[in-house]
Amino acid sequence: LNQEALAQACSDKHMSGADIQFLVQEAVQISVRRRVAAKARGEGAGMGTWAITPDCFEIAFNMSARASLSAGELAKYRQDADAIRRDMGVSQQVTTGGASPAWAGKFA
């Protein structure tokens, strides 16, 4: 499974964490259905390993990929994230472990 490609595809579709969780659950269900069907056909012998294959994710993505975030919501989240980074003084937080006074004051 090319995780980077999957992550990029999810990002391109503006999928939320809940959307991605649903996608993974669908991929698991596809894999389980395949295994049950194979066993019913008598193909269960030698199926010691059970894997969720990349094509399970592809099918799930094409079937159910839906984004719960609108373009406006996504823009708002990005704007909020930029403001948090700016207000926290990210470089200060990384080097000293403390937030900037402006950020810390908001929660005092």
PDB file of N, CA and C in Angstrom:
ATOM      1  N   LEU A   1       0.852  -1.182   0.000  1.00  0.00           N
ATOM      2  CA  LEU A   1       0.000   0.000   0.000  1.00  0.00           C
ATOM      3  C   LEU A   1       0.888   1.231   0.000  1.00  0.00           C
ATOM      4  N   ASN A   2       0.690   2.086  -0.952  1.00  0.00           N
ATOM      5  CA  ASN A   2       1.431   3.334  -1.014  1.00  0.00           C
ATOM      6  C   ASN A   2       0.710   4.345  -0.106  1.00  0.00           C
ATOM      7  N   GLN A   3       1.179   4.430   1.118  1.00  0.00           N
ATOM      8  CA  GLN A   3       0.514   5.278   2.109  1.00  0.00           C
ATOM      9  C   GLN A   3       0.576   6.754   1.734  1.00  0.00           C
ATOM     10  N   GLU A   4       1.678   7.162   1.135  1.00  0.00           N
ATOM     11  CA  GLU A   4       1.809   8.569   0.728  1.00  0.00           C
ATOM     12  C   GLU A   4       0.758   8.926  -0.330  1.00  0.00           C
ATOM     13  N   ALA A   5       0.571   8.031  -1.297  1.00  0.00           N
ATOM     14  CA  ALA A   5      -0.419   8.282  -2.355  1.00  0.00           C
ATOM     15  C   ALA A   5      -1.831   8.303  -1.772  1.00  0.00           C
ATOM     16  N   LEU A   6      -2.099   7.384  -0.852  1.00  0.00           N
ATOM     17  CA  LEU A   6      -3.414   7.346  -0.219  1.00  0.00           C
ATOM     18  C   LEU A   6      -3.652   8.625   0.591  1.00  0.00           C
ATOM     19  N   ALA A   7      -2.640   9.033   1.340  1.00  0.00           N
ATOM     20  CA  ALA A   7      -2.768  10.265   2.130  1.00  0.00           C
ATOM     21  C   ALA A   7      -2.998  11.468   1.228  1.00  0.00           C
ATOM     22  N   GLN A   8      -2.281  11.529   0.110  1.00  0.00           N
ATOM     23  CA  GLN A   8      -2.451  12.650  -0.819  1.00  0.00           C
ATOM     24  C   GLN A   8      -3.843  12.636  -1.431  1.00  0.00           C
ATOM     25  N   ALA A   9      -4.328  11.446  -1.805  1.00  0.00           N
ATOM     26  CA  ALA A   9      -5.676  11.344  -2.380  1.00  0.00           C
ATOM     27  C   ALA A   9      -6.736  11.784  -1.374  1.00  0.00           C
ATOM     28  N   CYS A  10      -6.562  11.402  -0.117  1.00  0.00           N
ATOM     29  CA  CYS A  10      -7.503  11.821   0.932  1.00  0.00           C
ATOM     30  C   CYS A  10      -7.440  13.322   1.138  1.00  0.00           C
ATOM     31  N   SER A  11      -6.240  13.871   1.095  1.00  0.00           N
ATOM     32  CA  SER A  11      -6.071  15.310   1.244  1.00  0.00           C
ATOM     33  C   SER A  11      -6.700  16.051   0.065  1.00  0.00           C
ATOM     34  N   ASP A  12      -6.472  15.536  -1.134  1.00  0.00           N
ATOM     35  CA  ASP A  12      -7.031  16.167  -2.338  1.00  0.00           C
ATOM     36  C   ASP A  12      -8.550  16.205  -2.300  1.00  0.00           C
ATOM     37  N   LYS A  13      -9.149  15.205  -1.673  1.00  0.00           N
ATOM     38  CA  LYS A  13     -10.614  15.150  -1.567  1.00  0.00           C
ATOM     39  C   LYS A  13     -11.125  15.850  -0.304  1.00  0.00           C
ATOM     40  N   HIS A  14     -10.210  16.480   0.449  1.00  0.00           N
ATOM     41  CA  HIS A  14     -10.580  17.216   1.666  1.00  0.00           C
ATOM     42  C   HIS A  14     -11.291  16.319   2.672  1.00  0.00           C
ATOM     43  N   MET A  15     -10.784  15.109   2.852  1.00  0.00           N
ATOM     44  CA  MET A  15     -11.398  14.170   3.777  1.00  0.00           C
ATOM     45  C   MET A  15     -10.969  14.466   5.208  1.00  0.00           C
ATOM     46  N   SER A  16     -11.902  14.341   6.122  1.00  0.00           N
ATOM     47  CA  SER A  16     -11.615  14.525   7.546  1.00  0.00           C
ATOM     48  C   SER A  16     -11.108  13.202   8.117  1.00  0.00           C
ATOM     49  N   GLY A  17     -10.697  13.226   9.370  1.00  0.00           N
ATOM     50  CA  GLY A  17     -10.276  12.010  10.042  1.00  0.00           C
ATOM     51  C   GLY A  17     -11.392  10.971  10.068  1.00  0.00           C
ATOM     52  N   ALA A  18     -12.619  11.417  10.284  1.00  0.00           N
ATOM     53  CA  ALA A  18     -13.761  10.499  10.295  1.00  0.00           C
ATOM     54  C   ALA A  18     -13.976   9.890   8.910  1.00  0.00           C
ATOM     55  N   ASP A  19     -13.777  10.680   7.865  1.00  0.00           N
ATOM     56  CA  ASP A  19     -13.905  10.158   6.504  1.00  0.00           C
ATOM     57  C   ASP A  19     -12.865   9.078   6.240  1.00  0.00           C
ATOM     58  N   ILE A  20     -11.646   9.314   6.700  1.00  0.00           N
ATOM     59  CA  ILE A  20     -10.562   8.352   6.500  1.00  0.00           C
ATOM     60  C   ILE A  20     -10.831   7.084   7.308  1.00  0.00           C
ATOM     61  N   GLN A  21     -11.351   7.249   8.515  1.00  0.00           N
ATOM     62  CA  GLN A  21     -11.712   6.086   9.326  1.00  0.00           C
ATOM     63  C   GLN A  21     -12.752   5.236   8.592  1.00  0.00           C
ATOM     64  N   PHE A  22     -13.740   5.874   8.019  1.00  0.00           N
ATOM     65  CA  PHE A  22     -14.775   5.165   7.270  1.00  0.00           C
ATOM     66  C   PHE A  22     -14.158   4.444   6.076  1.00  0.00           C
ATOM     67  N   LEU A  23     -13.228   5.088   5.391  1.00  0.00           N
ATOM     68  CA  LEU A  23     -12.548   4.490   4.248  1.00  0.00           C
ATOM     69  C   LEU A  23     -11.811   3.211   4.657  1.00  0.00           C
ATOM     70  N   VAL A  24     -11.090   3.279   5.765  1.00  0.00           N
ATOM     71  CA  VAL A  24     -10.350   2.108   6.248  1.00  0.00           C
ATOM     72  C   VAL A  24     -11.319   0.987   6.629  1.00  0.00           C
ATOM     73  N   GLN A  25     -12.406   1.329   7.292  1.00  0.00           N
ATOM     74  CA  GLN A  25     -13.396   0.316   7.664  1.00  0.00           C
ATOM     75  C   GLN A  25     -13.996  -0.348   6.431  1.00  0.00           C
ATOM     76  N   GLU A  26     -14.234   0.423   5.386  1.00  0.00           N
ATOM     77  CA  GLU A  26     -14.747  -0.142   4.135  1.00  0.00           C
ATOM     78  C   GLU A  26     -13.731  -1.097   3.520  1.00  0.00           C
ATOM     79  N   ALA A  27     -12.460  -0.729   3.524  1.00  0.00           N
ATOM     80  CA  ALA A  27     -11.410  -1.598   2.976  1.00  0.00           C
ATOM     81  C   ALA A  27     -11.357  -2.921   3.748  1.00  0.00           C
ATOM     82  N   VAL A  28     -11.485  -2.848   5.055  1.00  0.00           N
ATOM     83  CA  VAL A  28     -11.493  -4.071   5.883  1.00  0.00           C
ATOM     84  C   VAL A  28     -12.701  -4.930   5.519  1.00  0.00           C
ATOM     85  N   GLN A  29     -13.861  -4.326   5.390  1.00  0.00           N
ATOM     86  CA  GLN A  29     -15.068  -5.081   5.059  1.00  0.00           C
ATOM     87  C   GLN A  29     -14.951  -5.751   3.691  1.00  0.00           C
ATOM     88  N   ILE A  30     -14.359  -5.068   2.737  1.00  0.00           N
ATOM     89  CA  ILE A  30     -14.155  -5.662   1.410  1.00  0.00           C
ATOM     90  C   ILE A  30     -13.264  -6.891   1.526  1.00  0.00           C
ATOM     91  N   SER A  31     -12.197  -6.769   2.286  1.00  0.00           N
ATOM     92  CA  SER A  31     -11.280  -7.890   2.471  1.00  0.00           C
ATOM     93  C   SER A  31     -11.963  -9.065   3.161  1.00  0.00           C
ATOM     94  N   VAL A  32     -12.751  -8.783   4.185  1.00  0.00           N
ATOM     95  CA  VAL A  32     -13.466  -9.843   4.908  1.00  0.00           C
ATOM     96  C   VAL A  32     -14.459 -10.536   3.982  1.00  0.00           C
ATOM     97  N   ARG A  33     -15.195  -9.759   3.206  1.00  0.00           N
ATOM     98  CA  ARG A  33     -16.163 -10.360   2.279  1.00  0.00           C
ATOM     99  C   ARG A  33     -15.459 -11.275   1.283  1.00  0.00           C
ATOM    100  N   ARG A  34     -14.306 -10.849   0.796  1.00  0.00           N
ATOM    101  CA  ARG A  34     -13.550 -11.680  -0.143  1.00  0.00           C
ATOM    102  C   ARG A  34     -13.133 -12.996   0.507  1.00  0.00           C
ATOM    103  N   ARG A  35     -12.659 -12.909   1.732  1.00  0.00           N
ATOM    104  CA  ARG A  35     -12.196 -14.123   2.424  1.00  0.00           C
ATOM    105  C   ARG A  35     -13.356 -15.078   2.688  1.00  0.00           C
ATOM    106  N   VAL A  36     -14.492 -14.553   3.110  1.00  0.00           N
ATOM    107  CA  VAL A  36     -15.673 -15.382   3.367  1.00  0.00           C
ATOM    108  C   VAL A  36     -16.138 -16.031   2.064  1.00  0.00           C
ATOM    109  N   ALA A  37     -16.160 -15.275   0.981  1.00  0.00           N
ATOM    110  CA  ALA A  37     -16.583 -15.820  -0.311  1.00  0.00           C
ATOM    111  C   ALA A  37     -15.617 -16.908  -0.778  1.00  0.00           C
ATOM    112  N   ALA A  38     -14.321 -16.693  -0.605  1.00  0.00           N
ATOM    113  CA  ALA A  38     -13.326 -17.699  -1.001  1.00  0.00           C
ATOM    114  C   ALA A  38     -13.506 -18.971  -0.185  1.00  0.00           C
ATOM    115  N   LYS A  39     -13.754 -18.824   1.084  1.00  0.00           N
ATOM    116  CA  LYS A  39     -13.951 -19.990   1.945  1.00  0.00           C
ATOM    117  C   LYS A  39     -15.208 -20.747   1.535  1.00  0.00           C
ATOM    118  N   ALA A  40     -16.266 -20.033   1.180  1.00  0.00           N
ATOM    119  CA  ALA A  40     -17.523 -20.661   0.757  1.00  0.00           C
ATOM    120  C   ALA A  40     -17.337 -21.435  -0.547  1.00  0.00           C
ATOM    121  N   ARG A  41     -16.415 -20.979  -1.390  1.00  0.00           N
ATOM    122  CA  ARG A  41     -16.127 -21.684  -2.639  1.00  0.00           C
ATOM    123  C   ARG A  41     -15.153 -22.837  -2.435  1.00  0.00           C
ATOM    124  N   GLY A  42     -14.734 -23.051  -1.190  1.00  0.00           N
ATOM    125  CA  GLY A  42     -13.805 -24.132  -0.904  1.00  0.00           C
ATOM    126  C   GLY A  42     -12.356 -23.752  -1.142  1.00  0.00           C
ATOM    127  N   GLU A  43     -12.085 -22.471  -1.232  1.00  0.00           N
ATOM    128  CA  GLU A  43     -10.726 -21.989  -1.479  1.00  0.00           C
ATOM    129  C   GLU A  43     -10.035 -21.581  -0.181  1.00  0.00           C
ATOM    130  N   GLY A  44     -10.590 -22.004   0.935  1.00  0.00           N
ATOM    131  CA  GLY A  44     -10.051 -21.604   2.226  1.00  0.00           C
ATOM    132  C   GLY A  44      -8.734 -22.257   2.575  1.00  0.00           C
ATOM    133  N   ALA A  45      -8.444 -23.422   1.996  1.00  0.00           N
ATOM    134  CA  ALA A  45      -7.192 -24.116   2.308  1.00  0.00           C
ATOM    135  C   ALA A  45      -6.013 -23.294   1.809  1.00  0.00           C
ATOM    136  N   GLY A  46      -5.017 -23.195   2.640  1.00  0.00           N
ATOM    137  CA  GLY A  46      -3.821 -22.452   2.256  1.00  0.00           C
ATOM    138  C   GLY A  46      -3.968 -20.950   2.407  1.00  0.00           C
ATOM    139  N   MET A  47      -5.066 -20.492   3.009  1.00  0.00           N
ATOM    140  CA  MET A  47      -5.266 -19.053   3.202  1.00  0.00           C
ATOM    141  C   MET A  47      -4.875 -18.683   4.630  1.00  0.00           C
ATOM    142  N   GLY A  48      -3.689 -19.100   5.025  1.00  0.00           N
ATOM    143  CA  GLY A  48      -3.237 -18.829   6.380  1.00  0.00           C
ATOM    144  C   GLY A  48      -3.080 -17.350   6.677  1.00  0.00           C
ATOM    145  N   THR A  49      -2.663 -16.609   5.686  1.00  0.00           N
ATOM    146  CA  THR A  49      -2.501 -15.173   5.893  1.00  0.00           C
ATOM    147  C   THR A  49      -3.690 -14.442   5.304  1.00  0.00           C
ATOM    148  N   TRP A  50      -4.102 -13.462   6.017  1.00  0.00           N
ATOM    149  CA  TRP A  50      -5.217 -12.658   5.561  1.00  0.00           C
ATOM    150  C   TRP A  50      -4.736 -11.229   5.531  1.00  0.00           C
ATOM    151  N   ALA A  51      -4.846 -10.615   4.379  1.00  0.00           N
ATOM    152  CA  ALA A  51      -4.340  -9.248   4.240  1.00  0.00           C
ATOM    153  C   ALA A  51      -5.410  -8.337   3.655  1.00  0.00           C
ATOM    154  N   ILE A  52      -5.320  -7.114   4.040  1.00  0.00           N
ATOM    155  CA  ILE A  52      -6.122  -6.075   3.406  1.00  0.00           C
ATOM    156  C   ILE A  52      -5.209  -5.496   2.339  1.00  0.00           C
ATOM    157  N   THR A  53      -5.515  -5.788   1.102  1.00  0.00           N
ATOM    158  CA  THR A  53      -4.626  -5.450  -0.005  1.00  0.00           C
ATOM    159  C   THR A  53      -4.882  -4.028  -0.513  1.00  0.00           C
ATOM    160  N   PRO A  54      -3.912  -3.472  -1.242  1.00  0.00           N
ATOM    161  CA  PRO A  54      -4.095  -2.116  -1.780  1.00  0.00           C
ATOM    162  C   PRO A  54      -5.360  -1.971  -2.626  1.00  0.00           C
ATOM    163  N   ASP A  55      -5.723  -3.025  -3.353  1.00  0.00           N
ATOM    164  CA  ASP A  55      -6.932  -2.893  -4.167  1.00  0.00           C
ATOM    165  C   ASP A  55      -8.191  -2.784  -3.316  1.00  0.00           C
ATOM    166  N   CYS A  56      -8.160  -3.304  -2.078  1.00  0.00           N
ATOM    167  CA  CYS A  56      -9.296  -3.113  -1.161  1.00  0.00           C
ATOM    168  C   CYS A  56      -9.474  -1.622  -0.863  1.00  0.00           C
ATOM    169  N   PHE A  57      -8.343  -0.942  -0.656  1.00  0.00           N
ATOM    170  CA  PHE A  57      -8.400   0.498  -0.405  1.00  0.00           C
ATOM    171  C   PHE A  57      -8.857   1.252  -1.641  1.00  0.00           C
ATOM    172  N   GLU A  58      -8.382   0.818  -2.801  1.00  0.00           N
ATOM    173  CA  GLU A  58      -8.771   1.491  -4.044  1.00  0.00           C
ATOM    174  C   GLU A  58     -10.273   1.362  -4.275  1.00  0.00           C
ATOM    175  N   ILE A  59     -10.797   0.157  -4.090  1.00  0.00           N
ATOM    176  CA  ILE A  59     -12.240  -0.061  -4.265  1.00  0.00           C
ATOM    177  C   ILE A  59     -13.021   0.775  -3.251  1.00  0.00           C
ATOM    178  N   ALA A  60     -12.586   0.735  -1.999  1.00  0.00           N
ATOM    179  CA  ALA A  60     -13.274   1.503  -0.951  1.00  0.00           C
ATOM    180  C   ALA A  60     -13.229   2.996  -1.258  1.00  0.00           C
ATOM    181  N   PHE A  61     -12.069   3.461  -1.714  1.00  0.00           N
ATOM    182  CA  PHE A  61     -11.916   4.891  -2.020  1.00  0.00           C
ATOM    183  C   PHE A  61     -12.853   5.296  -3.154  1.00  0.00           C
ATOM    184  N   ASN A  62     -12.907   4.479  -4.200  1.00  0.00           N
ATOM    185  CA  ASN A  62     -13.750   4.811  -5.353  1.00  0.00           C
ATOM    186  C   ASN A  62     -15.237   4.665  -5.036  1.00  0.00           C
ATOM    187  N   MET A  63     -15.566   3.750  -4.125  1.00  0.00           N
ATOM    188  CA  MET A  63     -16.964   3.535  -3.752  1.00  0.00           C
ATOM    189  C   MET A  63     -17.472   4.614  -2.814  1.00  0.00           C
ATOM    190  N   SER A  64     -16.655   4.940  -1.839  1.00  0.00           N
ATOM    191  CA  SER A  64     -17.204   5.699  -0.720  1.00  0.00           C
ATOM    192  C   SER A  64     -16.453   6.968  -0.380  1.00  0.00           C
ATOM    193  N   ALA A  65     -15.494   7.338  -1.188  1.00  0.00           N
ATOM    194  CA  ALA A  65     -14.734   8.539  -0.844  1.00  0.00           C
ATOM    195  C   ALA A  65     -15.654   9.750  -0.875  1.00  0.00           C
ATOM    196  N   ARG A  66     -15.869  10.273   0.283  1.00  0.00           N
ATOM    197  CA  ARG A  66     -16.709  11.456   0.397  1.00  0.00           C
ATOM    198  C   ARG A  66     -16.039  12.397   1.376  1.00  0.00           C
ATOM    199  N   ALA A  67     -16.159  13.634   1.119  1.00  0.00           N
ATOM    200  CA  ALA A  67     -15.532  14.601   2.001  1.00  0.00           C
ATOM    201  C   ALA A  67     -16.598  15.294   2.833  1.00  0.00           C
ATOM    202  N   SER A  68     -16.379  15.341   4.126  1.00  0.00           N
ATOM    203  CA  SER A  68     -17.342  16.023   4.979  1.00  0.00           C
ATOM    204  C   SER A  68     -16.952  17.479   5.200  1.00  0.00           C
ATOM    205  N   LEU A  69     -15.780  17.866   4.691  1.00  0.00           N
ATOM    206  CA  LEU A  69     -15.330  19.244   4.837  1.00  0.00           C
ATOM    207  C   LEU A  69     -15.571  20.006   3.540  1.00  0.00           C
ATOM    208  N   SER A  70     -16.294  21.100   3.651  1.00  0.00           N
ATOM    209  CA  SER A  70     -16.491  21.942   2.474  1.00  0.00           C
ATOM    210  C   SER A  70     -15.219  22.756   2.250  1.00  0.00           C
ATOM    211  N   ALA A  71     -15.117  23.351   1.095  1.00  0.00           N
ATOM    212  CA  ALA A  71     -13.950  24.190   0.794  1.00  0.00           C
ATOM    213  C   ALA A  71     -13.857  25.345   1.790  1.00  0.00           C
ATOM    214  N   GLY A  72     -15.004  25.889   2.183  1.00  0.00           N
ATOM    215  CA  GLY A  72     -15.016  26.987   3.155  1.00  0.00           C
ATOM    216  C   GLY A  72     -14.529  26.555   4.533  1.00  0.00           C
ATOM    217  N   GLU A  73     -14.970  25.373   4.962  1.00  0.00           N
ATOM    218  CA  GLU A  73     -14.523  24.850   6.258  1.00  0.00           C
ATOM    219  C   GLU A  73     -13.029  24.570   6.241  1.00  0.00           C
ATOM    220  N   LEU A  74     -12.564  24.006   5.146  1.00  0.00           N
ATOM    221  CA  LEU A  74     -11.147  23.703   5.025  1.00  0.00           C
ATOM    222  C   LEU A  74     -10.320  24.981   5.062  1.00  0.00           C
ATOM    223  N   ALA A  75     -10.772  26.009   4.384  1.00  0.00           N
ATOM    224  CA  ALA A  75     -10.065  27.288   4.397  1.00  0.00           C
ATOM    225  C   ALA A  75     -10.034  27.871   5.806  1.00  0.00           C
ATOM    226  N   LYS A  76     -11.143  27.742   6.530  1.00  0.00           N
ATOM    227  CA  LYS A  76     -11.213  28.235   7.918  1.00  0.00           C
ATOM    228  C   LYS A  76     -10.239  27.476   8.807  1.00  0.00           C
ATOM    229  N   TYR A  77     -10.181  26.127   8.665  1.00  0.00           N
ATOM    230  CA  TYR A  77      -9.244  25.339   9.462  1.00  0.00           C
ATOM    231  C   TYR A  77      -7.806  25.731   9.168  1.00  0.00           C
ATOM    232  N   ARG A  78      -7.494  25.949   7.903  1.00  0.00           N
ATOM    233  CA  ARG A  78      -6.127  26.357   7.540  1.00  0.00           C
ATOM    234  C   ARG A  78      -5.798  27.734   8.108  1.00  0.00           C
ATOM    235  N   GLN A  79      -6.764  28.623   8.066  1.00  0.00           N
ATOM    236  CA  GLN A  79      -6.575  29.962   8.620  1.00  0.00           C
ATOM    237  C   GLN A  79      -6.352  29.874  10.128  1.00  0.00           C
ATOM    238  N   ASP A  80      -7.142  29.069  10.812  1.00  0.00           N
ATOM    239  CA  ASP A  80      -6.983  28.886  12.256  1.00  0.00           C
ATOM    240  C   ASP A  80      -5.624  28.271  12.585  1.00  0.00           C
ATOM    241  N   ALA A  81      -5.208  27.273  11.801  1.00  0.00           N
ATOM    242  CA  ALA A  81      -3.911  26.633  12.038  1.00  0.00           C
ATOM    243  C   ALA A  81      -2.770  27.637  11.859  1.00  0.00           C
ATOM    244  N   ASP A  82      -2.868  28.472  10.840  1.00  0.00           N
ATOM    245  CA  ASP A  82      -1.838  29.497  10.625  1.00  0.00           C
ATOM    246  C   ASP A  82      -1.804  30.483  11.790  1.00  0.00           C
ATOM    247  N   ALA A  83      -2.979  30.866  12.283  1.00  0.00           N
ATOM    248  CA  ALA A  83      -3.044  31.803  13.413  1.00  0.00           C
ATOM    249  C   ALA A  83      -2.447  31.174  14.667  1.00  0.00           C
ATOM    250  N   ILE A  84      -2.718  29.902  14.891  1.00  0.00           N
ATOM    251  CA  ILE A  84      -2.162  29.221  16.066  1.00  0.00           C
ATOM    252  C   ILE A  84      -0.649  29.164  15.968  1.00  0.00           C
ATOM    253  N   ARG A  85      -0.153  28.797  14.792  1.00  0.00           N
ATOM    254  CA  ARG A  85       1.307  28.746  14.614  1.00  0.00           C
ATOM    255  C   ARG A  85       1.924  30.111  14.863  1.00  0.00           C
ATOM    256  N   ARG A  86       1.298  31.143  14.320  1.00  0.00           N
ATOM    257  CA  ARG A  86       1.823  32.510  14.470  1.00  0.00           C
ATOM    258  C   ARG A  86       1.749  32.949  15.937  1.00  0.00           C
ATOM    259  N   ASP A  87       0.606  32.724  16.580  1.00  0.00           N
ATOM    260  CA  ASP A  87       0.406  33.189  17.949  1.00  0.00           C
ATOM    261  C   ASP A  87       1.241  32.419  18.971  1.00  0.00           C
ATOM    262  N   MET A  88       1.485  31.153  18.712  1.00  0.00           N
ATOM    263  CA  MET A  88       2.259  30.349  19.659  1.00  0.00           C
ATOM    264  C   MET A  88       3.744  30.623  19.559  1.00  0.00           C
ATOM    265  N   GLY A  89       4.175  31.184  18.467  1.00  0.00           N
ATOM    266  CA  GLY A  89       5.601  31.344  18.273  1.00  0.00           C
ATOM    267  C   GLY A  89       6.229  29.970  18.134  1.00  0.00           C
ATOM    268  N   VAL A  90       5.895  29.286  17.055  1.00  0.00           N
ATOM    269  CA  VAL A  90       6.282  27.891  16.890  1.00  0.00           C
ATOM    270  C   VAL A  90       7.767  27.692  17.104  1.00  0.00           C
ATOM    271  N   SER A  91       8.613  28.568  16.600  1.00  0.00           N
ATOM    272  CA  SER A  91      10.058  28.366  16.778  1.00  0.00           C
ATOM    273  C   SER A  91      10.415  28.421  18.259  1.00  0.00           C
ATOM    274  N   GLN A  92       9.775  29.309  19.024  1.00  0.00           N
ATOM    275  CA  GLN A  92      10.041  29.394  20.459  1.00  0.00           C
ATOM    276  C   GLN A  92       9.563  28.126  21.155  1.00  0.00           C
ATOM    277  N   GLN A  93       8.399  27.640  20.779  1.00  0.00           N
ATOM    278  CA  GLN A  93       7.853  26.441  21.406  1.00  0.00           C
ATOM    279  C   GLN A  93       8.768  25.244  21.157  1.00  0.00           C
ATOM    280  N   VAL A  94       9.286  25.122  19.956  1.00  0.00           N
ATOM    281  CA  VAL A  94      10.132  23.987  19.612  1.00  0.00           C
ATOM    282  C   VAL A  94      11.450  24.042  20.368  1.00  0.00           C
ATOM    283  N   THR A  95      12.025  25.230  20.496  1.00  0.00           N
ATOM    284  CA  THR A  95      13.350  25.320  21.118  1.00  0.00           C
ATOM    285  C   THR A  95      13.287  25.359  22.636  1.00  0.00           C
ATOM    286  N   THR A  96      12.248  25.956  23.227  1.00  0.00           N
ATOM    287  CA  THR A  96      12.214  26.112  24.676  1.00  0.00           C
ATOM    288  C   THR A  96      11.138  25.277  25.355  1.00  0.00           C
ATOM    289  N   GLY A  97      10.194  24.767  24.564  1.00  0.00           N
ATOM    290  CA  GLY A  97       9.110  23.989  25.147  1.00  0.00           C
ATOM    291  C   GLY A  97       8.011  24.861  25.718  1.00  0.00           C
ATOM    292  N   GLY A  98       8.104  26.171  25.550  1.00  0.00           N
ATOM    293  CA  GLY A  98       7.085  27.069  26.078  1.00  0.00           C
ATOM    294  C   GLY A  98       6.400  27.841  24.974  1.00  0.00           C
ATOM    295  N   ALA A  99       5.175  28.229  25.223  1.00  0.00           N
ATOM    296  CA  ALA A  99       4.428  29.016  24.250  1.00  0.00           C
ATOM    297  C   ALA A  99       4.794  30.482  24.394  1.00  0.00           C
ATOM    298  N   SER A 100       4.477  31.232  23.355  1.00  0.00           N
ATOM    299  CA  SER A 100       4.744  32.666  23.411  1.00  0.00           C
ATOM    300  C   SER A 100       3.834  33.291  24.469  1.00  0.00           C
ATOM    301  N   PRO A 101       4.198  34.450  25.020  1.00  0.00           N
ATOM    302  CA  PRO A 101       3.356  35.107  26.021  1.00  0.00           C
ATOM    303  C   PRO A 101       1.960  35.418  25.500  1.00  0.00           C
ATOM    304  N   ALA A 102       1.856  35.787  24.221  1.00  0.00           N
ATOM    305  CA  ALA A 102       0.539  36.101  23.656  1.00  0.00           C
ATOM    306  C   ALA A 102      -0.362  34.880  23.694  1.00  0.00           C
ATOM    307  N   TRP A 103       0.180  33.718  23.369  1.00  0.00           N
ATOM    308  CA  TRP A 103      -0.605  32.488  23.370  1.00  0.00           C
ATOM    309  C   TRP A 103      -0.902  32.032  24.793  1.00  0.00           C
ATOM    310  N   ALA A 104       0.103  32.036  25.640  1.00  0.00           N
ATOM    311  CA  ALA A 104      -0.077  31.585  27.011  1.00  0.00           C
ATOM    312  C   ALA A 104      -1.100  32.450  27.752  1.00  0.00           C
ATOM    313  N   GLY A 105      -1.133  33.740  27.437  1.00  0.00           N
ATOM    314  CA  GLY A 105      -2.060  34.649  28.090  1.00  0.00           C
ATOM    315  C   GLY A 105      -3.520  34.338  27.789  1.00  0.00           C
ATOM    316  N   LYS A 106      -3.765  33.718  26.675  1.00  0.00           N
ATOM    317  CA  LYS A 106      -5.143  33.383  26.287  1.00  0.00           C
ATOM    318  C   LYS A 106      -5.740  32.320  27.199  1.00  0.00           C
ATOM    319  N   PHE A 107      -4.885  31.536  27.848  1.00  0.00           N
ATOM    320  CA  PHE A 107      -5.374  30.444  28.681  1.00  0.00           C
ATOM    321  C   PHE A 107      -5.047  30.628  30.164  1.00  0.00           C
ATOM    322  N   ALA A 108      -4.585  31.792  30.526  1.00  0.00           N
ATOM    323  CA  ALA A 108      -4.237  32.044  31.917  1.00  0.00           C
ATOM    324  C   ALA A 108      -5.476  32.283  32.752  1.00  0.00           C
TER     325      ALA A 108
END
